[in-house]
PDB file of N, CA and C in Angstrom:
ATOM      1  N   UNK A   1       0.819  -1.190   0.000  1.00  0.00           N
ATOM      2  CA  UNK A   1       0.000   0.000   0.000  1.00  0.00           C
ATOM      3  C   UNK A   1       0.864   1.256   0.000  1.00  0.00           C
ATOM      4  N   UNK A   2       1.979   1.210   0.723  1.00  0.00           N
ATOM      5  CA  UNK A   2       2.891   2.354   0.766  1.00  0.00           C
ATOM      6  C   UNK A   2       3.515   2.576  -0.608  1.00  0.00           C
ATOM      7  N   UNK A   3       3.837   1.503  -1.312  1.00  0.00           N
ATOM      8  CA  UNK A   3       4.441   1.635  -2.634  1.00  0.00           C
ATOM      9  C   UNK A   3       3.471   2.311  -3.591  1.00  0.00           C
ATOM     10  N   UNK A   4       2.205   1.965  -3.529  1.00  0.00           N
ATOM     11  CA  UNK A   4       1.193   2.589  -4.370  1.00  0.00           C
ATOM     12  C   UNK A   4       1.046   4.071  -4.036  1.00  0.00           C
ATOM     13  N   UNK A   5       1.022   4.394  -2.768  1.00  0.00           N
ATOM     14  CA  UNK A   5       0.892   5.791  -2.349  1.00  0.00           C
ATOM     15  C   UNK A   5       2.103   6.615  -2.783  1.00  0.00           C
ATOM     16  N   UNK A   6       3.304   6.063  -2.610  1.00  0.00           N
ATOM     17  CA  UNK A   6       4.511   6.774  -3.028  1.00  0.00           C
ATOM     18  C   UNK A   6       4.522   6.957  -4.532  1.00  0.00           C
ATOM     19  N   UNK A   7       4.128   5.940  -5.282  1.00  0.00           N
ATOM     20  CA  UNK A   7       4.163   6.070  -6.738  1.00  0.00           C
ATOM     21  C   UNK A   7       3.130   7.075  -7.236  1.00  0.00           C
ATOM     22  N   UNK A   8       1.935   7.101  -6.653  1.00  0.00           N
ATOM     23  CA  UNK A   8       0.918   8.082  -7.072  1.00  0.00           C
ATOM     24  C   UNK A   8       1.377   9.501  -6.734  1.00  0.00           C
ATOM     25  N   UNK A   9       1.925   9.698  -5.545  1.00  0.00           N
ATOM     26  CA  UNK A   9       2.393  11.032  -5.183  1.00  0.00           C
ATOM     27  C   UNK A   9       3.598  11.447  -6.005  1.00  0.00           C
ATOM     28  N   UNK A  10       4.463  10.512  -6.355  1.00  0.00           N
ATOM     29  CA  UNK A  10       5.617  10.823  -7.197  1.00  0.00           C
ATOM     30  C   UNK A  10       5.174  11.222  -8.602  1.00  0.00           C
ATOM     31  N   UNK A  11       4.190  10.521  -9.151  1.00  0.00           N
ATOM     32  CA  UNK A  11       3.662  10.881 -10.473  1.00  0.00           C
ATOM     33  C   UNK A  11       3.016  12.262 -10.425  1.00  0.00           C
ATOM     34  N   UNK A  12       2.245  12.550  -9.380  1.00  0.00           N
ATOM     35  CA  UNK A  12       1.591  13.855  -9.268  1.00  0.00           C
ATOM     36  C   UNK A  12       2.614  14.976  -9.119  1.00  0.00           C
ATOM     37  N   UNK A  13       3.648  14.776  -8.299  1.00  0.00           N
ATOM     38  CA  UNK A  13       4.691  15.799  -8.144  1.00  0.00           C
ATOM     39  C   UNK A  13       5.410  16.013  -9.471  1.00  0.00           C
ATOM     40  N   UNK A  14       5.680  14.946 -10.200  1.00  0.00           N
ATOM     41  CA  UNK A  14       6.354  15.069 -11.491  1.00  0.00           C
ATOM     42  C   UNK A  14       5.506  15.848 -12.490  1.00  0.00           C
ATOM     43  N   UNK A  15       4.218  15.523 -12.575  1.00  0.00           N
ATOM     44  CA  UNK A  15       3.349  16.206 -13.537  1.00  0.00           C
ATOM     45  C   UNK A  15       3.162  17.676 -13.186  1.00  0.00           C
ATOM     46  N   UNK A  16       2.873  17.969 -11.927  1.00  0.00           N
ATOM     47  CA  UNK A  16       2.696  19.365 -11.533  1.00  0.00           C
ATOM     48  C   UNK A  16       4.011  20.139 -11.648  1.00  0.00           C
ATOM     49  N   UNK A  17       5.111  19.516 -11.287  1.00  0.00           N
ATOM     50  CA  UNK A  17       6.413  20.177 -11.417  1.00  0.00           C
ATOM     51  C   UNK A  17       6.755  20.486 -12.855  1.00  0.00           C
ATOM     52  N   UNK A  18       6.525  19.519 -13.755  1.00  0.00           N
ATOM     53  CA  UNK A  18       6.793  19.757 -15.173  1.00  0.00           C
ATOM     54  C   UNK A  18       5.908  20.864 -15.718  1.00  0.00           C
ATOM     55  N   UNK A  19       4.637  20.877 -15.337  1.00  0.00           N
ATOM     56  CA  UNK A  19       3.743  21.900 -15.867  1.00  0.00           C
ATOM     57  C   UNK A  19       4.105  23.283 -15.326  1.00  0.00           C
ATOM     58  N   UNK A  20       4.564  23.382 -14.088  1.00  0.00           N
ATOM     59  CA  UNK A  20       4.995  24.679 -13.556  1.00  0.00           C
ATOM     60  C   UNK A  20       6.268  25.159 -14.230  1.00  0.00           C
ATOM     61  N   UNK A  21       7.211  24.255 -14.447  1.00  0.00           N
ATOM     62  CA  UNK A  21       8.434  24.626 -15.158  1.00  0.00           C
ATOM     63  C   UNK A  21       8.099  25.071 -16.573  1.00  0.00           C
ATOM     64  N   UNK A  22       7.179  24.367 -17.227  1.00  0.00           N
ATOM     65  CA  UNK A  22       6.763  24.733 -18.578  1.00  0.00           C
ATOM     66  C   UNK A  22       6.137  26.122 -18.591  1.00  0.00           C
ATOM     67  N   UNK A  23       5.349  26.461 -17.577  1.00  0.00           N
ATOM     68  CA  UNK A  23       4.727  27.780 -17.506  1.00  0.00           C
ATOM     69  C   UNK A  23       5.771  28.880 -17.324  1.00  0.00           C
ATOM     70  N   UNK A  24       6.853  28.604 -16.603  1.00  0.00           N
ATOM     71  CA  UNK A  24       7.882  29.610 -16.404  1.00  0.00           C
ATOM     72  C   UNK A  24       8.803  29.735 -17.611  1.00  0.00           C
ATOM     73  N   UNK A  25       9.058  28.632 -18.311  1.00  0.00           N
ATOM     74  CA  UNK A  25       9.945  28.681 -19.472  1.00  0.00           C
ATOM     75  C   UNK A  25       9.238  29.288 -20.683  1.00  0.00           C
ATOM     76  N   UNK A  26       7.981  28.914 -20.907  1.00  0.00           N
ATOM     77  CA  UNK A  26       7.202  29.427 -22.027  1.00  0.00           C
ATOM     78  C   UNK A  26       6.000  30.208 -21.491  1.00  0.00           C
ATOM     79  N   UNK A  27       6.193  31.454 -21.052  1.00  0.00           N
ATOM     80  CA  UNK A  27       5.075  32.188 -20.448  1.00  0.00           C
ATOM     81  C   UNK A  27       3.963  32.525 -21.430  1.00  0.00           C
ATOM     82  N   UNK A  28       4.268  32.661 -22.715  1.00  0.00           N
ATOM     83  CA  UNK A  28       3.225  33.018 -23.680  1.00  0.00           C
ATOM     84  C   UNK A  28       2.718  31.814 -24.452  1.00  0.00           C
ATOM     85  N   UNK A  29       3.099  30.635 -24.070  1.00  0.00           N
ATOM     86  CA  UNK A  29       2.677  29.432 -24.774  1.00  0.00           C
ATOM     87  C   UNK A  29       3.854  28.797 -25.498  1.00  0.00           C
ATOM     88  N   UNK A  30       3.655  27.597 -25.988  1.00  0.00           N
ATOM     89  CA  UNK A  30       4.752  26.866 -26.619  1.00  0.00           C
ATOM     90  C   UNK A  30       5.107  27.436 -27.979  1.00  0.00           C
ATOM     91  N   UNK A  31       4.117  27.827 -28.757  1.00  0.00           N
ATOM     92  CA  UNK A  31       4.376  28.329 -30.090  1.00  0.00           C
ATOM     93  C   UNK A  31       4.655  29.821 -30.028  1.00  0.00           C
ATOM     94  N   UNK A  32       5.823  30.256 -30.488  1.00  0.00           N
ATOM     95  CA  UNK A  32       6.153  31.679 -30.387  1.00  0.00           C
ATOM     96  C   UNK A  32       5.316  32.517 -31.350  1.00  0.00           C
ATOM     97  N   UNK A  33       5.166  33.783 -30.992  1.00  0.00           N
ATOM     98  CA  UNK A  33       4.441  34.704 -31.855  1.00  0.00           C
ATOM     99  C   UNK A  33       5.310  35.054 -33.052  1.00  0.00           C
ATOM    100  N   UNK A  34       4.698  35.293 -34.201  1.00  0.00           N
ATOM    101  CA  UNK A  34       5.513  35.641 -35.372  1.00  0.00           C
ATOM    102  C   UNK A  34       6.227  36.979 -35.163  1.00  0.00           C
ATOM    103  N   UNK A  35       7.470  37.025 -35.559  1.00  0.00           N
ATOM    104  CA  UNK A  35       8.289  38.221 -35.400  1.00  0.00           C
ATOM    105  C   UNK A  35       8.194  39.081 -36.653  1.00  0.00           C
ATOM    106  N   UNK A  36       8.136  40.376 -36.446  1.00  0.00           N
ATOM    107  CA  UNK A  36       8.194  41.308 -37.577  1.00  0.00           C
ATOM    108  C   UNK A  36       9.625  41.750 -37.773  1.00  0.00           C
ATOM    109  N   UNK A  37       9.875  42.520 -38.807  1.00  0.00           N
ATOM    110  CA  UNK A  37      11.244  42.940 -39.115  1.00  0.00           C
ATOM    111  C   UNK A  37      11.827  43.873 -38.065  1.00  0.00           C
ATOM    112  N   UNK A  38      10.993  44.694 -37.441  1.00  0.00           N
ATOM    113  CA  UNK A  38      11.527  45.657 -36.481  1.00  0.00           C
ATOM    114  C   UNK A  38      11.718  45.078 -35.082  1.00  0.00           C
ATOM    115  N   UNK A  39      11.284  43.869 -34.847  1.00  0.00           N
ATOM    116  CA  UNK A  39      11.477  43.237 -33.545  1.00  0.00           C
ATOM    117  C   UNK A  39      12.706  42.343 -33.589  1.00  0.00           C
ATOM    118  N   UNK A  40      13.408  42.314 -32.492  1.00  0.00           N
ATOM    119  CA  UNK A  40      14.545  41.401 -32.409  1.00  0.00           C
ATOM    120  C   UNK A  40      14.072  40.076 -31.841  1.00  0.00           C
ATOM    121  N   UNK A  41      14.850  39.055 -32.044  1.00  0.00           N
ATOM    122  CA  UNK A  41      14.468  37.724 -31.587  1.00  0.00           C
ATOM    123  C   UNK A  41      14.492  37.661 -30.065  1.00  0.00           C
ATOM    124  N   UNK A  42      15.366  38.403 -29.418  1.00  0.00           N
ATOM    125  CA  UNK A  42      15.499  38.336 -27.966  1.00  0.00           C
ATOM    126  C   UNK A  42      14.540  39.255 -27.224  1.00  0.00           C
ATOM    127  N   UNK A  43      13.685  39.969 -27.928  1.00  0.00           N
ATOM    128  CA  UNK A  43      12.775  40.871 -27.226  1.00  0.00           C
ATOM    129  C   UNK A  43      11.708  40.068 -26.501  1.00  0.00           C
ATOM    130  N   UNK A  44      11.283  40.568 -25.345  1.00  0.00           N
ATOM    131  CA  UNK A  44      10.226  39.911 -24.587  1.00  0.00           C
ATOM    132  C   UNK A  44       8.969  40.747 -24.663  1.00  0.00           C
ATOM    133  N   UNK A  45       7.862  40.100 -24.714  1.00  0.00           N
ATOM    134  CA  UNK A  45       6.587  40.787 -24.744  1.00  0.00           C
ATOM    135  C   UNK A  45       6.248  41.243 -23.334  1.00  0.00           C
ATOM    136  N   UNK A  46       6.004  42.552 -23.164  1.00  0.00           N
ATOM    137  CA  UNK A  46       5.724  43.066 -21.831  1.00  0.00           C
ATOM    138  C   UNK A  46       4.374  42.585 -21.324  1.00  0.00           C
ATOM    139  N   UNK A  47       3.505  42.154 -22.229  1.00  0.00           N
ATOM    140  CA  UNK A  47       2.199  41.661 -21.826  1.00  0.00           C
ATOM    141  C   UNK A  47       2.321  40.349 -21.038  1.00  0.00           C
ATOM    142  N   UNK A  48       3.341  39.549 -21.364  1.00  0.00           N
ATOM    143  CA  UNK A  48       3.530  38.276 -20.672  1.00  0.00           C
ATOM    144  C   UNK A  48       3.916  38.468 -19.214  1.00  0.00           C
ATOM    145  N   UNK A  49       4.613  39.552 -18.901  1.00  0.00           N
ATOM    146  CA  UNK A  49       5.088  39.787 -17.547  1.00  0.00           C
ATOM    147  C   UNK A  49       4.402  41.001 -16.933  1.00  0.00           C
ATOM    148  N   UNK A  50       3.159  41.228 -17.282  1.00  0.00           N
ATOM    149  CA  UNK A  50       2.427  42.363 -16.751  1.00  0.00           C
ATOM    150  C   UNK A  50       2.093  42.134 -15.278  1.00  0.00           C
ATOM    151  N   UNK A  51       1.408  43.096 -14.690  1.00  0.00           N
ATOM    152  CA  UNK A  51       1.096  43.046 -13.264  1.00  0.00           C
ATOM    153  C   UNK A  51       0.343  41.763 -12.918  1.00  0.00           C
ATOM    154  N   UNK A  52       0.867  41.028 -11.977  1.00  0.00           N
ATOM    155  CA  UNK A  52       0.219  39.810 -11.528  1.00  0.00           C
ATOM    156  C   UNK A  52       0.586  38.579 -12.323  1.00  0.00           C
ATOM    157  N   UNK A  53       1.078  38.776 -13.523  1.00  0.00           N
ATOM    158  CA  UNK A  53       1.463  37.727 -14.455  1.00  0.00           C
ATOM    159  C   UNK A  53       0.429  36.609 -14.463  1.00  0.00           C
ATOM    160  N   UNK A  54       0.778  35.388 -14.164  1.00  0.00           N
ATOM    161  CA  UNK A  54      -0.193  34.296 -14.149  1.00  0.00           C
ATOM    162  C   UNK A  54      -0.816  34.098 -12.768  1.00  0.00           C
ATOM    163  N   UNK A  55      -0.300  34.802 -11.772  1.00  0.00           N
ATOM    164  CA  UNK A  55      -0.823  34.652 -10.420  1.00  0.00           C
ATOM    165  C   UNK A  55      -2.160  35.346 -10.220  1.00  0.00           C
ATOM    166  N   UNK A  56      -2.648  36.035 -11.230  1.00  0.00           N
ATOM    167  CA  UNK A  56      -3.971  36.634 -11.099  1.00  0.00           C
ATOM    168  C   UNK A  56      -5.073  35.642 -11.437  1.00  0.00           C
ATOM    169  N   UNK A  57      -4.718  34.441 -11.826  1.00  0.00           N
ATOM    170  CA  UNK A  57      -5.696  33.407 -12.164  1.00  0.00           C
ATOM    171  C   UNK A  57      -5.713  32.327 -11.091  1.00  0.00           C
ATOM    172  N   UNK A  58      -6.903  31.906 -10.710  1.00  0.00           N
ATOM    173  CA  UNK A  58      -7.056  30.877  -9.686  1.00  0.00           C
ATOM    174  C   UNK A  58      -6.506  29.531 -10.157  1.00  0.00           C
ATOM    175  N   UNK A  59      -6.523  29.298 -11.446  1.00  0.00           N
ATOM    176  CA  UNK A  59      -5.988  28.053 -11.996  1.00  0.00           C
ATOM    177  C   UNK A  59      -4.506  27.904 -11.670  1.00  0.00           C
ATOM    178  N   UNK A  60      -3.752  28.976 -11.830  1.00  0.00           N
ATOM    179  CA  UNK A  60      -2.314  28.917 -11.568  1.00  0.00           C
ATOM    180  C   UNK A  60      -2.035  28.768 -10.076  1.00  0.00           C
ATOM    181  N   UNK A  61      -2.814  29.462  -9.229  1.00  0.00           N
ATOM    182  CA  UNK A  61      -2.672  29.295  -7.787  1.00  0.00           C
ATOM    183  C   UNK A  61      -2.966  27.849  -7.390  1.00  0.00           C
ATOM    184  N   UNK A  62      -4.020  27.288  -7.965  1.00  0.00           N
ATOM    185  CA  UNK A  62      -4.399  25.915  -7.647  1.00  0.00           C
ATOM    186  C   UNK A  62      -3.283  24.945  -8.040  1.00  0.00           C
ATOM    187  N   UNK A  63      -2.674  25.180  -9.207  1.00  0.00           N
ATOM    188  CA  UNK A  63      -1.600  24.300  -9.645  1.00  0.00           C
ATOM    189  C   UNK A  63      -0.395  24.384  -8.706  1.00  0.00           C
ATOM    190  N   UNK A  64      -0.052  25.584  -8.257  1.00  0.00           N
ATOM    191  CA  UNK A  64       1.054  25.732  -7.304  1.00  0.00           C
ATOM    192  C   UNK A  64       0.748  25.052  -5.975  1.00  0.00           C
ATOM    193  N   UNK A  65      -0.465  25.256  -5.468  1.00  0.00           N
ATOM    194  CA  UNK A  65      -0.843  24.630  -4.198  1.00  0.00           C
ATOM    195  C   UNK A  65      -0.865  23.103  -4.306  1.00  0.00           C
ATOM    196  N   UNK A  66      -1.359  22.572  -5.410  1.00  0.00           N
ATOM    197  CA  UNK A  66      -1.392  21.119  -5.571  1.00  0.00           C
ATOM    198  C   UNK A  66       0.018  20.545  -5.650  1.00  0.00           C
ATOM    199  N   UNK A  67       0.930  21.263  -6.297  1.00  0.00           N
ATOM    200  CA  UNK A  67       2.322  20.807  -6.331  1.00  0.00           C
ATOM    201  C   UNK A  67       2.909  20.758  -4.924  1.00  0.00           C
ATOM    202  N   UNK A  68       2.644  21.795  -4.134  1.00  0.00           N
ATOM    203  CA  UNK A  68       3.173  21.846  -2.770  1.00  0.00           C
ATOM    204  C   UNK A  68       2.597  20.717  -1.918  1.00  0.00           C
ATOM    205  N   UNK A  69       1.289  20.493  -2.001  1.00  0.00           N
ATOM    206  CA  UNK A  69       0.695  19.468  -1.135  1.00  0.00           C
ATOM    207  C   UNK A  69       1.127  18.064  -1.554  1.00  0.00           C
ATOM    208  N   UNK A  70       1.266  17.815  -2.857  1.00  0.00           N
ATOM    209  CA  UNK A  70       1.730  16.494  -3.272  1.00  0.00           C
ATOM    210  C   UNK A  70       3.193  16.271  -2.899  1.00  0.00           C
ATOM    211  N   UNK A  71       3.996  17.328  -2.915  1.00  0.00           N
ATOM    212  CA  UNK A  71       5.389  17.184  -2.472  1.00  0.00           C
ATOM    213  C   UNK A  71       5.448  16.875  -0.973  1.00  0.00           C
ATOM    214  N   UNK A  72       4.599  17.544  -0.187  1.00  0.00           N
ATOM    215  CA  UNK A  72       4.561  17.251   1.251  1.00  0.00           C
ATOM    216  C   UNK A  72       4.054  15.835   1.501  1.00  0.00           C
ATOM    217  N   UNK A  73       3.052  15.398   0.740  1.00  0.00           N
ATOM    218  CA  UNK A  73       2.563  14.017   0.874  1.00  0.00           C
ATOM    219  C   UNK A  73       3.656  13.015   0.519  1.00  0.00           C
ATOM    220  N   UNK A  74       4.445  13.320  -0.489  1.00  0.00           N
ATOM    221  CA  UNK A  74       5.535  12.428  -0.861  1.00  0.00           C
ATOM    222  C   UNK A  74       6.577  12.340   0.254  1.00  0.00           C
ATOM    223  N   UNK A  75       6.901  13.472   0.867  1.00  0.00           N
ATOM    224  CA  UNK A  75       7.821  13.450   2.007  1.00  0.00           C
ATOM    225  C   UNK A  75       7.258  12.634   3.159  1.00  0.00           C
ATOM    226  N   UNK A  76       5.974  12.815   3.433  1.00  0.00           N
ATOM    227  CA  UNK A  76       5.349  12.063   4.525  1.00  0.00           C
ATOM    228  C   UNK A  76       5.350  10.567   4.231  1.00  0.00           C
ATOM    229  N   UNK A  77       5.100  10.198   2.980  1.00  0.00           N
ATOM    230  CA  UNK A  77       5.146   8.782   2.616  1.00  0.00           C
ATOM    231  C   UNK A  77       6.543   8.207   2.788  1.00  0.00           C
ATOM    232  N   UNK A  78       7.560   8.991   2.440  1.00  0.00           N
ATOM    233  CA  UNK A  78       8.933   8.499   2.601  1.00  0.00           C
ATOM    234  C   UNK A  78       9.282   8.327   4.073  1.00  0.00           C
ATOM    235  N   UNK A  79       8.801   9.228   4.939  1.00  0.00           N
ATOM    236  CA  UNK A  79       9.050   9.065   6.365  1.00  0.00           C
ATOM    237  C   UNK A  79       8.243   7.915   6.949  1.00  0.00           C
ATOM    238  N   UNK A  80       7.050   7.645   6.400  1.00  0.00           N
ATOM    239  CA  UNK A  80       6.267   6.496   6.871  1.00  0.00           C
ATOM    240  C   UNK A  80       6.983   5.196   6.555  1.00  0.00           C
ATOM    241  N   UNK A  81       7.578   5.107   5.383  1.00  0.00           N
ATOM    242  CA  UNK A  81       8.314   3.898   5.005  1.00  0.00           C
ATOM    243  C   UNK A  81       9.472   3.689   5.964  1.00  0.00           C
ATOM    244  N   UNK A  82      10.100   4.762   6.411  1.00  0.00           N
ATOM    245  CA  UNK A  82      11.233   4.631   7.312  1.00  0.00           C
ATOM    246  C   UNK A  82      10.800   4.256   8.728  1.00  0.00           C
ATOM    247  N   UNK A  83       9.675   4.786   9.182  1.00  0.00           N
ATOM    248  CA  UNK A  83       9.313   4.609  10.587  1.00  0.00           C
ATOM    249  C   UNK A  83       8.337   3.467  10.862  1.00  0.00           C
ATOM    250  N   UNK A  84       7.476   3.126   9.938  1.00  0.00           N
ATOM    251  CA  UNK A  84       6.450   2.127  10.249  1.00  0.00           C
ATOM    252  C   UNK A  84       6.987   0.718  10.479  1.00  0.00           C
ATOM    253  N   UNK A  85       7.882   0.198   9.647  1.00  0.00           N
ATOM    254  CA  UNK A  85       8.308  -1.188   9.893  1.00  0.00           C
ATOM    255  C   UNK A  85       9.037  -1.375  11.220  1.00  0.00           C
ATOM    256  N   UNK A  86       9.746  -0.371  11.684  1.00  0.00           N
ATOM    257  CA  UNK A  86      10.506  -0.540  12.923  1.00  0.00           C
ATOM    258  C   UNK A  86       9.672  -0.243  14.163  1.00  0.00           C
ATOM    259  N   UNK A  87       8.482   0.311  13.999  1.00  0.00           N
ATOM    260  CA  UNK A  87       7.600   0.667  15.113  1.00  0.00           C
ATOM    261  C   UNK A  87       8.301   1.613  16.096  1.00  0.00           C
ATOM    262  N   UNK A  88       9.218   2.394  15.586  1.00  0.00           N
ATOM    263  CA  UNK A  88       9.929   3.348  16.444  1.00  0.00           C
ATOM    264  C   UNK A  88       9.047   4.563  16.703  1.00  0.00           C
ATOM    265  N   UNK A  89       9.353   5.229  17.765  1.00  0.00           N
ATOM    266  CA  UNK A  89       8.615   6.450  18.075  1.00  0.00           C
ATOM    267  C   UNK A  89       9.035   7.510  17.069  1.00  0.00           C
ATOM    268  N   UNK A  90       8.038   8.147  16.469  1.00  0.00           N
ATOM    269  CA  UNK A  90       8.339   9.136  15.445  1.00  0.00           C
ATOM    270  C   UNK A  90       8.978  10.365  16.075  1.00  0.00           C
ATOM    271  N   UNK A  91       9.845  10.970  15.323  1.00  0.00           N
ATOM    272  CA  UNK A  91      10.508  12.169  15.820  1.00  0.00           C
ATOM    273  C   UNK A  91       9.557  13.359  15.784  1.00  0.00           C
ATOM    274  N   UNK A  92       9.985  14.433  16.410  1.00  0.00           N
ATOM    275  CA  UNK A  92       9.145  15.622  16.421  1.00  0.00           C
ATOM    276  C   UNK A  92       9.017  16.208  15.024  1.00  0.00           C
ATOM    277  N   UNK A  93      10.053  16.026  14.198  1.00  0.00           N
ATOM    278  CA  UNK A  93      10.005  16.547  12.828  1.00  0.00           C
ATOM    279  C   UNK A  93       8.894  15.885  12.025  1.00  0.00           C
ATOM    280  N   UNK A  94       8.776  14.577  12.106  1.00  0.00           N
ATOM    281  CA  UNK A  94       7.739  13.901  11.319  1.00  0.00           C
ATOM    282  C   UNK A  94       6.351  14.216  11.843  1.00  0.00           C
ATOM    283  N   UNK A  95       6.202  14.315  13.154  1.00  0.00           N
ATOM    284  CA  UNK A  95       4.895  14.707  13.697  1.00  0.00           C
ATOM    285  C   UNK A  95       4.524  16.110  13.257  1.00  0.00           C
ATOM    286  N   UNK A  96       5.503  17.007  13.255  1.00  0.00           N
ATOM    287  CA  UNK A  96       5.265  18.373  12.816  1.00  0.00           C
ATOM    288  C   UNK A  96       4.943  18.416  11.324  1.00  0.00           C
ATOM    289  N   UNK A  97       5.643  17.593  10.537  1.00  0.00           N
ATOM    290  CA  UNK A  97       5.385  17.535   9.100  1.00  0.00           C
ATOM    291  C   UNK A  97       3.985  17.003   8.806  1.00  0.00           C
ATOM    292  N   UNK A  98       3.567  15.972   9.530  1.00  0.00           N
ATOM    293  CA  UNK A  98       2.210  15.444   9.340  1.00  0.00           C
ATOM    294  C   UNK A  98       1.156  16.465   9.755  1.00  0.00           C
ATOM    295  N   UNK A  99       1.428  17.198  10.823  1.00  0.00           N
ATOM    296  CA  UNK A  99       0.482  18.228  11.282  1.00  0.00           C
ATOM    297  C   UNK A  99       0.373  19.357  10.256  1.00  0.00           C
ATOM    298  N   UNK A 100       1.512  19.777   9.678  1.00  0.00           N
ATOM    299  CA  UNK A 100       1.496  20.812   8.637  1.00  0.00           C
ATOM    300  C   UNK A 100       0.736  20.324   7.420  1.00  0.00           C
ATOM    301  N   UNK A 101       0.964  19.077   7.034  1.00  0.00           N
ATOM    302  CA  UNK A 101       0.276  18.506   5.877  1.00  0.00           C
ATOM    303  C   UNK A 101      -1.231  18.519   6.076  1.00  0.00           C
ATOM    304  N   UNK A 102      -1.687  18.059   7.218  1.00  0.00           N
ATOM    305  CA  UNK A 102      -3.123  17.992   7.471  1.00  0.00           C
ATOM    306  C   UNK A 102      -3.750  19.376   7.573  1.00  0.00           C
ATOM    307  N   UNK A 103      -3.093  20.287   8.278  1.00  0.00           N
ATOM    308  CA  UNK A 103      -3.633  21.638   8.431  1.00  0.00           C
ATOM    309  C   UNK A 103      -3.677  22.363   7.100  1.00  0.00           C
ATOM    310  N   UNK A 104      -2.614  22.259   6.319  1.00  0.00           N
ATOM    311  CA  UNK A 104      -2.557  22.929   5.016  1.00  0.00           C
ATOM    312  C   UNK A 104      -3.610  22.377   4.073  1.00  0.00           C
ATOM    313  N   UNK A 105      -3.784  21.079   4.067  1.00  0.00           N
ATOM    314  CA  UNK A 105      -4.762  20.489   3.159  1.00  0.00           C
ATOM    315  C   UNK A 105      -6.183  20.859   3.557  1.00  0.00           C
ATOM    316  N   UNK A 106      -6.503  20.719   4.830  1.00  0.00           N
ATOM    317  CA  UNK A 106      -7.887  20.934   5.261  1.00  0.00           C
ATOM    318  C   UNK A 106      -8.280  22.402   5.312  1.00  0.00           C
ATOM    319  N   UNK A 107      -7.359  23.289   5.590  1.00  0.00           N
ATOM    320  CA  UNK A 107      -7.738  24.693   5.742  1.00  0.00           C
ATOM    321  C   UNK A 107      -7.542  25.525   4.489  1.00  0.00           C
ATOM    322  N   UNK A 108      -6.605  25.156   3.618  1.00  0.00           N
ATOM    323  CA  UNK A 108      -6.317  25.983   2.444  1.00  0.00           C
ATOM    324  C   UNK A 108      -6.600  25.249   1.141  1.00  0.00           C
ATOM    325  N   UNK A 109      -5.986  24.104   0.949  1.00  0.00           N
ATOM    326  CA  UNK A 109      -6.004  23.482  -0.366  1.00  0.00           C
ATOM    327  C   UNK A 109      -7.334  22.862  -0.743  1.00  0.00           C
ATOM    328  N   UNK A 110      -7.978  22.206   0.169  1.00  0.00           N
ATOM    329  CA  UNK A 110      -9.270  21.603  -0.170  1.00  0.00           C
ATOM    330  C   UNK A 110     -10.316  22.658  -0.502  1.00  0.00           C
ATOM    331  N   UNK A 111     -10.469  23.729   0.296  1.00  0.00           N
ATOM    332  CA  UNK A 111     -11.461  24.744  -0.081  1.00  0.00           C
ATOM    333  C   UNK A 111     -11.155  25.447  -1.404  1.00  0.00           C
ATOM    334  N   UNK A 112      -9.866  25.744  -1.666  1.00  0.00           N
ATOM    335  CA  UNK A 112      -9.522  26.408  -2.926  1.00  0.00           C
ATOM    336  C   UNK A 112      -9.757  25.469  -4.097  1.00  0.00           C
ATOM    337  N   UNK A 113      -9.336  24.222  -3.984  1.00  0.00           N
ATOM    338  CA  UNK A 113      -9.564  23.264  -5.063  1.00  0.00           C
ATOM    339  C   UNK A 113     -11.031  22.999  -5.300  1.00  0.00           C
ATOM    340  N   UNK A 114     -11.794  22.942  -4.236  1.00  0.00           N
ATOM    341  CA  UNK A 114     -13.231  22.698  -4.352  1.00  0.00           C
ATOM    342  C   UNK A 114     -13.932  23.883  -5.003  1.00  0.00           C
ATOM    343  N   UNK A 115     -13.600  25.096  -4.571  1.00  0.00           N
ATOM    344  CA  UNK A 115     -14.242  26.273  -5.166  1.00  0.00           C
ATOM    345  C   UNK A 115     -13.805  26.457  -6.607  1.00  0.00           C
ATOM    346  N   UNK A 116     -12.579  26.091  -6.937  1.00  0.00           N
ATOM    347  CA  UNK A 116     -12.121  26.173  -8.327  1.00  0.00           C
ATOM    348  C   UNK A 116     -12.914  25.218  -9.210  1.00  0.00           C
ATOM    349  N   UNK A 117     -13.133  24.011  -8.749  1.00  0.00           N
ATOM    350  CA  UNK A 117     -13.893  23.042  -9.547  1.00  0.00           C
ATOM    351  C   UNK A 117     -15.353  23.445  -9.689  1.00  0.00           C
ATOM    352  N   UNK A 118     -15.928  24.037  -8.659  1.00  0.00           N
ATOM    353  CA  UNK A 118     -17.320  24.450  -8.720  1.00  0.00           C
ATOM    354  C   UNK A 118     -17.506  25.619  -9.669  1.00  0.00           C
ATOM    355  N   UNK A 119     -16.568  26.579  -9.660  1.00  0.00           N
ATOM    356  CA  UNK A 119     -16.731  27.782 -10.466  1.00  0.00           C
ATOM    357  C   UNK A 119     -16.072  27.723 -11.828  1.00  0.00           C
ATOM    358  N   UNK A 120     -15.408  26.636 -12.160  1.00  0.00           N
ATOM    359  CA  UNK A 120     -14.748  26.580 -13.465  1.00  0.00           C
ATOM    360  C   UNK A 120     -15.763  26.455 -14.577  1.00  0.00           C
ATOM    361  N   UNK A 121     -15.337  26.777 -15.770  1.00  0.00           N
ATOM    362  CA  UNK A 121     -16.279  26.854 -16.887  1.00  0.00           C
ATOM    363  C   UNK A 121     -16.779  25.482 -17.330  1.00  0.00           C
ATOM    364  N   UNK A 122     -15.998  24.430 -17.120  1.00  0.00           N
ATOM    365  CA  UNK A 122     -16.449  23.112 -17.577  1.00  0.00           C
ATOM    366  C   UNK A 122     -17.500  22.514 -16.650  1.00  0.00           C
ATOM    367  N   UNK A 123     -17.736  23.139 -15.503  1.00  0.00           N
ATOM    368  CA  UNK A 123     -18.754  22.624 -14.594  1.00  0.00           C
ATOM    369  C   UNK A 123     -20.164  23.002 -15.054  1.00  0.00           C
ATOM    370  N   UNK A 124     -20.238  24.058 -15.856  1.00  0.00           N
ATOM    371  CA  UNK A 124     -21.528  24.513 -16.335  1.00  0.00           C
ATOM    372  C   UNK A 124     -21.642  24.281 -17.831  1.00  0.00           C
ATOM    373  N   UNK A 125     -22.516  23.393 -18.277  1.00  0.00           N
ATOM    374  CA  UNK A 125     -22.602  23.120 -19.728  1.00  0.00           C
ATOM    375  C   UNK A 125     -23.226  24.245 -20.519  1.00  0.00           C
TER     376      UNK A 125
END
């Protein structure tokens, strides 16, 4: 069961991490805009880095939060693998990490993810 949990969290961290890196490397999308003669190839579009950039959208916030929570879940799974078979008393660090994981998920990430899914455009046909 631990192997399944670690593999699911590892896949989620990989996918969210890749998509965040992709958003930072290609802020205007994968396909570049056509260049005119008076523009240089190294010029950046100021519209891509305007006020708030992508952080003004709830979708981007949700993606960042999901990456953070899956990374914390992956850390917790790795500490569970280390501590459960030996039945040793968990250290204060792991107890604190589990408490942060639960508090962050229940107070911030679940409500934001839930409200994002309810208000997104694909929820209303």
